[in-house]
Amino acid sequence: MSFAAILSASRTSADSSAGLRASLHFAGQTLVEYQARQAVRAGADRILIMVSVITPALSQAVDRLSADGIAVALIRDMVTMVRDAPRDVDVLLIADGAIIAQSHVDSLGKAEGDALLVTDDSRASAPFERIDAGQRWAGIARLSPALLFGTIDMIGDWDLALTLVRAAVQKGVRRITVPQDDLLEGRVALVESQEQADLVAQAVTSVGAAGGRTRGGIEHLLLAPLARVISPTIMRMQVPAMQVRIAAIALAAIALVPIELQWTLTGFALLLLALLLAETSDRLDELALRSPPMGWLAFVVPLMALVALLLVGGSTQATDLVLLLAIVTMADRWLLTGRAKPWMIVTPGSALLLLIVFGCVNMLAQGFRVAMIAVIGSVCAIILARRS
């Protein structure tokens, strides 16, 4: 069952009295954007952001979320909250500046009835709001419409999030306790400054380092692991994923120059590096909880690699190889390869690496033949795997 999410974006950061916690940079975006994408990934179908003042950073964050198809609205007063809050579904309440591991957000998204994520009182949990003598609120809660609107009716000028939490505690709702390890390792945190946000981002990105979409070929076996290693560093440098993708496209275009000058292996090596940058851009999108591009933008770099193969081959066999590789590339990108193992899928990166090996021993023509046999076998594996 779907639900809505209520986020807070009104508390100032420790860095500046004019800045908001919600506008701190986190995982390639503002912190409130990351919270919104977490809620959407957990099942939320609309996002309500409570604000005291609408800043340019918040407006831009809303524009970016809306551009990705996320229904989002800014709430400035209780009248607007009463009007826009859903009356037929639960809400997921996330505290201002809270960073919660996606697994906890997902568990609250699947919970039935009112529930609070809590942590035992300790030095590690000191930044969180105390709810009784032994526990503190860990920054996220799932609340029913009855509890939400029953509390809104009496709220006045009080803090909505904390008042809702206190009402939930008084009602005796179910509590889910966070392990202390999550607090100590930064998977559950309340950030007040950019320095804290950067430290927590390292913990979050390292947890998700082994995740991501499973595709095939050298892109999966070699380039994706390398991308997982370098992407957290690039993210901490606050380099957007789109800039990395543009750099990949530019490098692929530059690689065609040595190809034309018959510096074939140099051009192939540059194309492999461009494919690595494209994989890194995908990984940055995944870390930021965005969906990697699936349209034409995703195929620009592989297409340039195929153009290079066509220029170097200059034969009917090279043309056939490029056409088959184009088909396999689209199937691989759109996860249409069935149960075929990653090593069974021949991608542009696989072909480039194979041709580099053969080129090093002056057997490039034989390399094209082997690549053709390999891609035919890859197509057969995909067809047979889907049939099985």
Protein backbone atom coordinates (compact mmCIF):
# COMPACT_ATOMS: atom_id res chain seq x y z
CA MET A 1 0.00 0.00 0.00
CA SER A 2 1.34 3.45 -0.92
CA PHE A 3 1.97 6.20 1.60
CA ALA A 4 3.11 9.81 1.74
CA ALA A 5 6.24 11.26 3.32
CA ILE A 6 6.58 14.39 5.43
CA LEU A 7 10.06 15.93 5.59
CA SER A 8 11.27 18.91 7.59
CA ALA A 9 13.44 21.68 6.16
CA SER A 10 13.44 24.52 8.66
CA ARG A 11 16.35 24.07 11.10
CA THR A 12 19.53 26.02 10.47
CA SER A 13 22.87 24.29 10.06
CA ALA A 14 25.80 24.68 12.40
CA ASP A 15 27.85 26.15 9.55
CA SER A 16 25.73 29.26 9.06
CA SER A 17 22.63 30.78 10.60
CA ALA A 18 21.43 31.53 7.06
CA GLY A 19 21.83 27.95 5.83
CA LEU A 20 19.49 25.04 6.42
CA ARG A 21 20.33 21.46 7.36
CA ALA A 22 18.09 20.36 4.51
CA SER A 23 20.32 22.23 2.03
CA LEU A 24 23.56 20.53 3.11
CA HIS A 25 25.27 18.67 0.26
CA PHE A 26 24.81 14.92 0.57
CA ALA A 27 25.38 12.15 -2.00
CA GLY A 28 25.48 14.51 -4.95
CA GLN A 29 22.38 16.52 -3.98
CA THR A 30 20.83 18.37 -1.07
CA LEU A 31 20.07 16.38 2.06
CA VAL A 32 16.30 16.86 1.73
CA GLU A 33 16.45 15.53 -1.85
CA TYR A 34 18.20 12.41 -0.61
CA GLN A 35 15.53 11.92 2.07
CA ALA A 36 12.81 12.32 -0.55
CA ARG A 37 14.40 9.76 -2.86
CA GLN A 38 14.77 7.35 0.06
CA ALA A 39 11.06 7.68 0.82
CA VAL A 40 10.11 7.18 -2.82
CA ARG A 41 12.32 4.09 -3.06
CA ALA A 42 10.53 2.73 0.04
CA GLY A 43 7.13 3.25 -1.63
CA ALA A 44 6.03 6.85 -1.01
CA ASP A 45 3.96 8.33 -3.81
CA ARG A 46 4.09 11.97 -2.70
CA ILE A 47 6.46 14.16 -0.68
CA LEU A 48 5.47 17.04 1.60
CA ILE A 49 8.32 19.28 2.77
CA MET A 50 7.64 21.53 5.77
CA VAL A 51 9.54 24.80 5.46
CA SER A 52 9.76 28.03 7.42
CA VAL A 53 11.13 29.97 4.47
CA ILE A 54 11.46 28.99 0.80
CA THR A 55 15.11 29.41 -0.17
CA PRO A 56 16.56 29.18 -3.71
CA ALA A 57 18.25 25.88 -2.76
CA LEU A 58 14.92 24.36 -1.68
CA SER A 59 13.19 25.61 -4.83
CA GLN A 60 15.89 24.06 -7.01
CA ALA A 61 15.65 20.80 -5.06
CA VAL A 62 11.89 20.69 -5.68
CA ASP A 63 12.47 21.36 -9.38
CA ARG A 64 14.95 18.48 -9.63
CA LEU A 65 12.64 16.09 -7.80
CA SER A 66 9.70 17.10 -9.99
CA ALA A 67 11.82 16.62 -13.11
CA ASP A 68 12.38 13.02 -12.00
CA GLY A 69 8.62 12.46 -11.74
CA ILE A 70 8.37 12.75 -7.94
CA ALA A 71 5.25 14.52 -6.65
CA VAL A 72 6.52 17.07 -4.14
CA ALA A 73 5.02 20.12 -2.43
CA LEU A 74 6.30 22.74 0.02
CA ILE A 75 4.21 23.27 3.18
CA ARG A 76 4.54 26.60 5.01
CA ASP A 77 1.69 26.44 7.55
CA MET A 78 -0.79 24.08 9.20
CA VAL A 79 -3.62 25.20 6.92
CA THR A 80 -1.68 23.97 3.89
CA MET A 81 -0.74 20.77 5.72
CA VAL A 82 -4.39 20.02 6.50
CA ARG A 83 -5.28 20.67 2.88
CA ASP A 84 -2.48 18.69 1.22
CA ALA A 85 -1.82 15.80 3.64
CA PRO A 86 -3.51 12.54 2.56
CA ARG A 87 -6.43 11.39 4.68
CA ASP A 88 -6.59 7.82 3.40
CA VAL A 89 -2.97 6.60 3.71
CA ASP A 90 -0.19 6.55 6.29
CA VAL A 91 2.67 9.05 6.31
CA LEU A 92 6.38 8.48 6.76
CA LEU A 93 7.80 11.24 8.97
CA ILE A 94 11.54 11.98 8.65
CA ALA A 95 13.32 14.40 10.96
CA ASP A 96 15.16 17.50 9.81
CA GLY A 97 18.76 16.50 9.07
CA ALA A 98 18.24 12.78 9.70
CA ILE A 99 20.19 10.26 7.65
CA ILE A 100 18.71 6.79 7.96
CA ALA A 101 20.03 3.68 6.20
CA GLN A 102 17.76 2.65 3.34
CA SER A 103 17.07 -0.72 4.99
CA HIS A 104 15.40 1.04 7.93
CA VAL A 105 13.40 3.31 5.63
CA ASP A 106 12.23 0.26 3.67
CA SER A 107 11.20 -1.55 6.86
CA LEU A 108 9.10 1.43 7.99
CA GLY A 109 7.64 1.65 4.49
CA LYS A 110 6.45 -1.96 4.76
CA ALA A 111 5.27 -1.67 8.37
CA GLU A 112 1.60 -1.94 9.22
CA GLY A 113 0.19 0.63 11.62
CA ASP A 114 1.98 3.28 13.65
CA ALA A 115 5.66 2.63 14.33
CA LEU A 116 8.68 4.55 15.62
CA LEU A 117 12.34 3.87 14.88
CA VAL A 118 14.13 4.36 18.20
CA THR A 119 17.60 3.97 19.68
CA ASP A 120 18.73 3.23 23.19
CA ASP A 121 20.01 6.23 25.09
CA SER A 122 23.80 6.46 24.82
CA ARG A 123 26.58 8.89 23.91
CA ALA A 124 26.21 7.90 20.25
CA SER A 125 22.49 8.74 20.25
CA ALA A 126 22.85 12.07 22.09
CA PRO A 127 21.93 14.24 19.03
CA PHE A 128 18.51 12.55 18.73
CA GLU A 129 15.36 13.65 20.55
CA ARG A 130 14.74 11.92 23.88
CA ILE A 131 11.31 10.29 24.16
CA ASP A 132 11.63 8.69 27.60
CA ALA A 133 14.22 7.79 30.22
CA GLY A 134 15.81 5.03 28.17
CA GLN A 135 15.25 5.73 24.46
CA ARG A 136 15.47 8.42 21.82
CA TRP A 137 13.68 8.88 18.49
CA ALA A 138 15.96 7.75 15.65
CA GLY A 139 14.55 10.24 13.14
CA ILE A 140 11.85 8.32 11.27
CA ALA A 141 8.31 7.18 12.05
CA ARG A 142 5.25 5.78 10.29
CA LEU A 143 1.98 7.37 11.38
CA SER A 144 -1.67 6.70 10.56
CA PRO A 145 -3.98 9.46 9.25
CA ALA A 146 -5.92 9.38 12.53
CA LEU A 147 -2.80 10.14 14.56
CA LEU A 148 -1.59 12.77 12.10
CA PHE A 149 -4.80 14.78 11.86
CA GLY A 150 -5.66 14.29 15.53
CA THR A 151 -2.34 15.93 16.37
CA ILE A 152 -2.55 18.67 13.73
CA ASP A 153 -5.87 19.84 15.20
CA MET A 154 -4.16 20.80 18.48
CA ILE A 155 -0.73 21.76 17.28
CA GLY A 156 -0.85 25.59 17.10
CA ASP A 157 2.70 26.94 16.75
CA TRP A 158 4.45 23.82 18.05
CA ASP A 159 7.03 21.81 16.13
CA LEU A 160 4.98 19.39 14.02
CA ALA A 161 7.51 16.54 13.84
CA LEU A 162 8.34 16.45 17.54
CA THR A 163 4.68 16.90 18.52
CA LEU A 164 3.71 13.97 16.31
CA VAL A 165 6.43 11.83 17.86
CA ARG A 166 5.31 12.70 21.39
CA ALA A 167 1.71 11.88 20.45
CA ALA A 168 2.87 8.54 19.07
CA VAL A 169 4.80 7.80 22.29
CA GLN A 170 1.78 8.66 24.42
CA LYS A 171 -0.35 6.36 22.27
CA GLY A 172 2.15 3.54 22.88
CA VAL A 173 2.90 2.75 19.26
CA ARG A 174 5.21 -0.08 18.25
CA ARG A 175 8.92 0.71 18.56
CA ILE A 176 11.68 -0.66 16.33
CA THR A 177 15.11 -0.38 17.97
CA VAL A 178 18.17 0.51 15.93
CA PRO A 179 21.33 -1.51 16.67
CA GLN A 180 24.05 0.56 18.31
CA ASP A 181 26.43 -0.44 15.50
CA ASP A 182 24.32 1.56 13.04
CA LEU A 183 24.84 4.66 15.16
CA LEU A 184 28.54 4.09 15.69
CA GLU A 185 29.18 3.45 11.99
CA GLY A 186 27.08 6.38 10.73
CA ARG A 187 24.23 4.44 9.11
CA VAL A 188 21.78 6.30 11.35
CA ALA A 189 22.75 9.90 12.15
CA LEU A 190 21.50 13.42 12.68
CA VAL A 191 23.73 15.90 10.86
CA GLU A 192 24.01 19.59 11.64
CA SER A 193 26.99 20.67 9.51
CA GLN A 194 28.58 19.93 6.15
CA GLU A 195 31.51 18.21 7.83
CA GLN A 196 29.15 15.78 9.56
CA ALA A 197 27.24 15.24 6.33
CA ASP A 198 30.47 14.35 4.52
CA LEU A 199 31.46 11.84 7.19
CA VAL A 200 28.04 10.17 7.15
CA ALA A 201 28.08 10.11 3.33
CA GLN A 202 31.26 8.02 3.48
CA ALA A 203 29.51 5.46 5.68
CA VAL A 204 26.42 5.37 3.46
CA THR A 205 28.35 5.02 0.20
CA SER A 206 30.62 2.31 1.62
CA VAL A 207 27.56 0.26 2.68
CA GLY A 208 26.17 0.41 -0.83
CA ALA A 209 29.51 -0.26 -2.53
CA ALA A 210 28.60 -3.80 -3.50
CA GLY A 211 25.15 -2.93 -4.78
CA GLY A 212 23.98 -1.68 -8.11
CA ARG A 213 22.47 -3.05 -11.27
CA THR A 214 23.81 -6.36 -12.52
CA ARG A 215 24.69 -6.35 -16.19
CA GLY A 216 27.31 -8.29 -18.11
CA GLY A 217 30.56 -8.27 -19.98
CA ILE A 218 33.76 -6.48 -19.05
CA GLU A 219 31.60 -3.55 -17.94
CA HIS A 220 30.30 -5.77 -15.13
CA LEU A 221 33.38 -7.86 -14.41
CA LEU A 222 36.05 -5.13 -14.55
CA LEU A 223 34.74 -1.60 -15.06
CA ALA A 224 31.90 -1.71 -12.52
CA PRO A 225 34.17 -2.83 -9.63
CA LEU A 226 36.60 -0.03 -10.52
CA ALA A 227 33.69 2.44 -10.65
CA ARG A 228 32.58 1.34 -7.18
CA VAL A 229 36.07 2.10 -5.87
CA ILE A 230 36.41 5.60 -7.34
CA SER A 231 32.79 6.85 -7.20
CA PRO A 232 32.73 7.60 -3.42
CA THR A 233 35.79 9.83 -3.85
CA ILE A 234 34.19 11.66 -6.77
CA MET A 235 30.97 12.06 -4.79
CA ARG A 236 32.84 13.60 -1.85
CA MET A 237 34.32 16.08 -4.33
CA GLN A 238 30.69 17.04 -5.16
CA VAL A 239 31.10 16.29 -8.87
CA PRO A 240 27.64 15.68 -10.41
CA ALA A 241 27.01 12.41 -12.23
CA MET A 242 26.03 14.31 -15.39
CA GLN A 243 29.42 16.03 -15.53
CA VAL A 244 31.15 12.66 -15.30
CA ARG A 245 28.95 11.35 -18.13
CA ILE A 246 29.74 14.40 -20.27
CA ALA A 247 33.44 13.79 -19.62
CA ALA A 248 32.97 10.18 -20.75
CA ILE A 249 31.31 11.31 -23.97
CA ALA A 250 34.03 13.89 -24.62
CA LEU A 251 36.80 11.32 -24.02
CA ALA A 252 35.08 8.84 -26.36
CA ALA A 253 34.93 11.51 -29.06
CA ILE A 254 38.63 12.32 -28.52
CA ALA A 255 39.44 8.60 -28.82
CA LEU A 256 38.20 8.63 -32.42
CA VAL A 257 41.10 10.95 -33.36
CA PRO A 258 43.90 8.39 -32.81
CA ILE A 259 41.65 5.81 -34.44
CA GLU A 260 41.62 7.98 -37.59
CA LEU A 261 45.40 8.38 -37.30
CA GLN A 262 45.70 4.58 -37.15
CA TRP A 263 46.90 4.59 -33.54
CA THR A 264 44.40 1.84 -32.98
CA LEU A 265 45.42 0.52 -29.57
CA THR A 266 45.67 4.03 -28.12
CA GLY A 267 42.17 4.80 -29.32
CA PHE A 268 40.81 1.52 -27.92
CA ALA A 269 42.43 2.23 -24.55
CA LEU A 270 40.86 5.70 -24.42
CA LEU A 271 37.47 4.19 -25.26
CA LEU A 272 37.81 1.71 -22.38
CA LEU A 273 38.56 4.65 -20.09
CA ALA A 274 35.46 6.44 -21.43
CA LEU A 275 33.37 3.35 -20.69
CA LEU A 276 34.80 3.36 -17.15
CA LEU A 277 33.70 6.98 -16.69
CA ALA A 278 30.23 6.09 -17.98
CA GLU A 279 30.02 3.25 -15.44
CA THR A 280 31.17 5.67 -12.74
CA SER A 281 28.39 8.06 -13.69
CA ASP A 282 25.88 5.21 -13.35
CA ARG A 283 27.31 4.39 -9.92
CA LEU A 284 27.03 8.03 -8.80
CA ASP A 285 23.37 7.99 -9.82
CA GLU A 286 22.81 4.81 -7.82
CA LEU A 287 24.51 6.23 -4.73
CA ALA A 288 22.27 9.29 -5.00
CA LEU A 289 19.21 6.98 -5.32
CA ARG A 290 18.57 8.13 -8.87
CA SER A 291 17.80 5.75 -11.71
CA PRO A 292 20.68 5.59 -14.23
CA PRO A 293 19.68 6.84 -17.70
CA MET A 294 18.06 4.24 -19.94
CA GLY A 295 17.50 6.39 -23.03
CA TRP A 296 19.80 7.64 -25.77
CA LEU A 297 22.19 9.30 -23.30
CA ALA A 298 23.16 5.89 -21.92
CA PHE A 299 24.20 4.65 -25.38
CA VAL A 300 26.37 7.57 -26.59
CA VAL A 301 29.68 6.18 -25.30
CA PRO A 302 29.01 2.55 -26.39
CA LEU A 303 27.92 3.88 -29.79
CA MET A 304 31.22 5.72 -30.22
CA ALA A 305 33.04 2.50 -29.32
CA LEU A 306 31.08 0.71 -32.04
CA VAL A 307 31.90 3.48 -34.53
CA ALA A 308 35.59 2.97 -33.70
CA LEU A 309 35.28 -0.77 -34.36
CA LEU A 310 33.66 -0.01 -37.70
CA LEU A 311 36.42 2.43 -38.65
CA VAL A 312 39.19 0.01 -37.70
CA GLY A 313 37.58 -3.10 -39.22
CA GLY A 314 36.49 -1.52 -42.49
CA SER A 315 34.87 -4.75 -43.68
CA THR A 316 31.56 -6.53 -43.91
CA GLN A 317 32.56 -8.70 -40.97
CA ALA A 318 33.21 -5.57 -38.85
CA THR A 319 29.79 -4.20 -39.83
CA ASP A 320 28.09 -7.43 -38.82
CA LEU A 321 30.01 -7.44 -35.54
CA VAL A 322 28.94 -3.87 -34.76
CA LEU A 323 25.26 -4.59 -35.51
CA LEU A 324 25.25 -7.65 -33.24
CA LEU A 325 27.08 -5.76 -30.50
CA ALA A 326 24.51 -2.95 -30.73
CA ILE A 327 21.70 -5.45 -30.14
CA VAL A 328 23.47 -7.08 -27.20
CA THR A 329 24.31 -3.65 -25.73
CA MET A 330 20.65 -2.60 -25.72
CA ALA A 331 19.56 -5.93 -24.21
CA ASP A 332 22.27 -5.63 -21.55
CA ARG A 333 21.39 -2.04 -20.64
CA TRP A 334 17.68 -2.77 -20.40
CA LEU A 335 18.29 -6.00 -18.40
CA LEU A 336 16.77 -8.18 -21.10
CA THR A 337 19.48 -10.83 -21.05
CA GLY A 338 17.44 -13.34 -19.08
CA ARG A 339 19.44 -15.69 -16.90
CA ALA A 340 22.63 -15.43 -18.95
CA LYS A 341 25.70 -15.12 -16.72
CA PRO A 342 27.66 -11.85 -16.90
CA TRP A 343 30.67 -13.58 -18.48
CA MET A 344 28.44 -14.88 -21.29
CA ILE A 345 27.55 -11.38 -22.48
CA VAL A 346 29.89 -9.73 -24.98
CA THR A 347 29.65 -5.94 -24.75
CA PRO A 348 31.56 -3.14 -26.53
CA GLY A 349 34.03 -3.09 -23.65
CA SER A 350 34.56 -6.84 -23.98
CA ALA A 351 35.22 -6.50 -27.70
CA LEU A 352 37.64 -3.61 -27.16
CA LEU A 353 39.64 -5.52 -24.55
CA LEU A 354 39.75 -8.61 -26.79
CA LEU A 355 40.96 -6.56 -29.75
CA ILE A 356 43.61 -4.82 -27.63
CA VAL A 357 44.99 -8.25 -26.65
CA PHE A 358 45.10 -9.42 -30.27
CA GLY A 359 46.45 -6.05 -31.42
CA CYS A 360 49.40 -6.32 -29.05
CA VAL A 361 50.54 -9.42 -30.98
CA ASN A 362 49.76 -7.93 -34.42
CA MET A 363 46.76 -10.21 -34.99
CA LEU A 364 43.97 -7.60 -35.13
CA ALA A 365 42.19 -9.25 -38.09
CA GLN A 366 42.06 -12.55 -36.21
CA GLY A 367 40.77 -10.61 -33.20
CA PHE A 368 37.75 -9.42 -35.20
CA ARG A 369 36.98 -13.03 -36.15
CA VAL A 370 37.19 -14.17 -32.53
CA ALA A 371 35.05 -11.22 -31.43
CA MET A 372 32.42 -12.16 -34.02
CA ILE A 373 32.32 -15.77 -32.78
CA ALA A 374 32.10 -14.53 -29.19
CA VAL A 375 29.20 -12.16 -29.83
CA ILE A 376 27.31 -14.86 -31.76
CA GLY A 377 27.78 -17.14 -28.76
CA SER A 378 26.56 -14.33 -26.51
CA VAL A 379 23.35 -13.92 -28.52
CA CYS A 380 22.77 -17.67 -28.37
CA ALA A 381 23.33 -17.68 -24.60
CA ILE A 382 20.83 -14.85 -24.10
CA ILE A 383 18.17 -16.57 -26.23
CA LEU A 384 18.63 -19.96 -24.60
CA ALA A 385 18.76 -18.47 -21.10
CA ARG A 386 15.48 -16.62 -21.65
CA ARG A 387 13.86 -19.77 -23.00
CA SER A 388 14.98 -21.82 -19.99
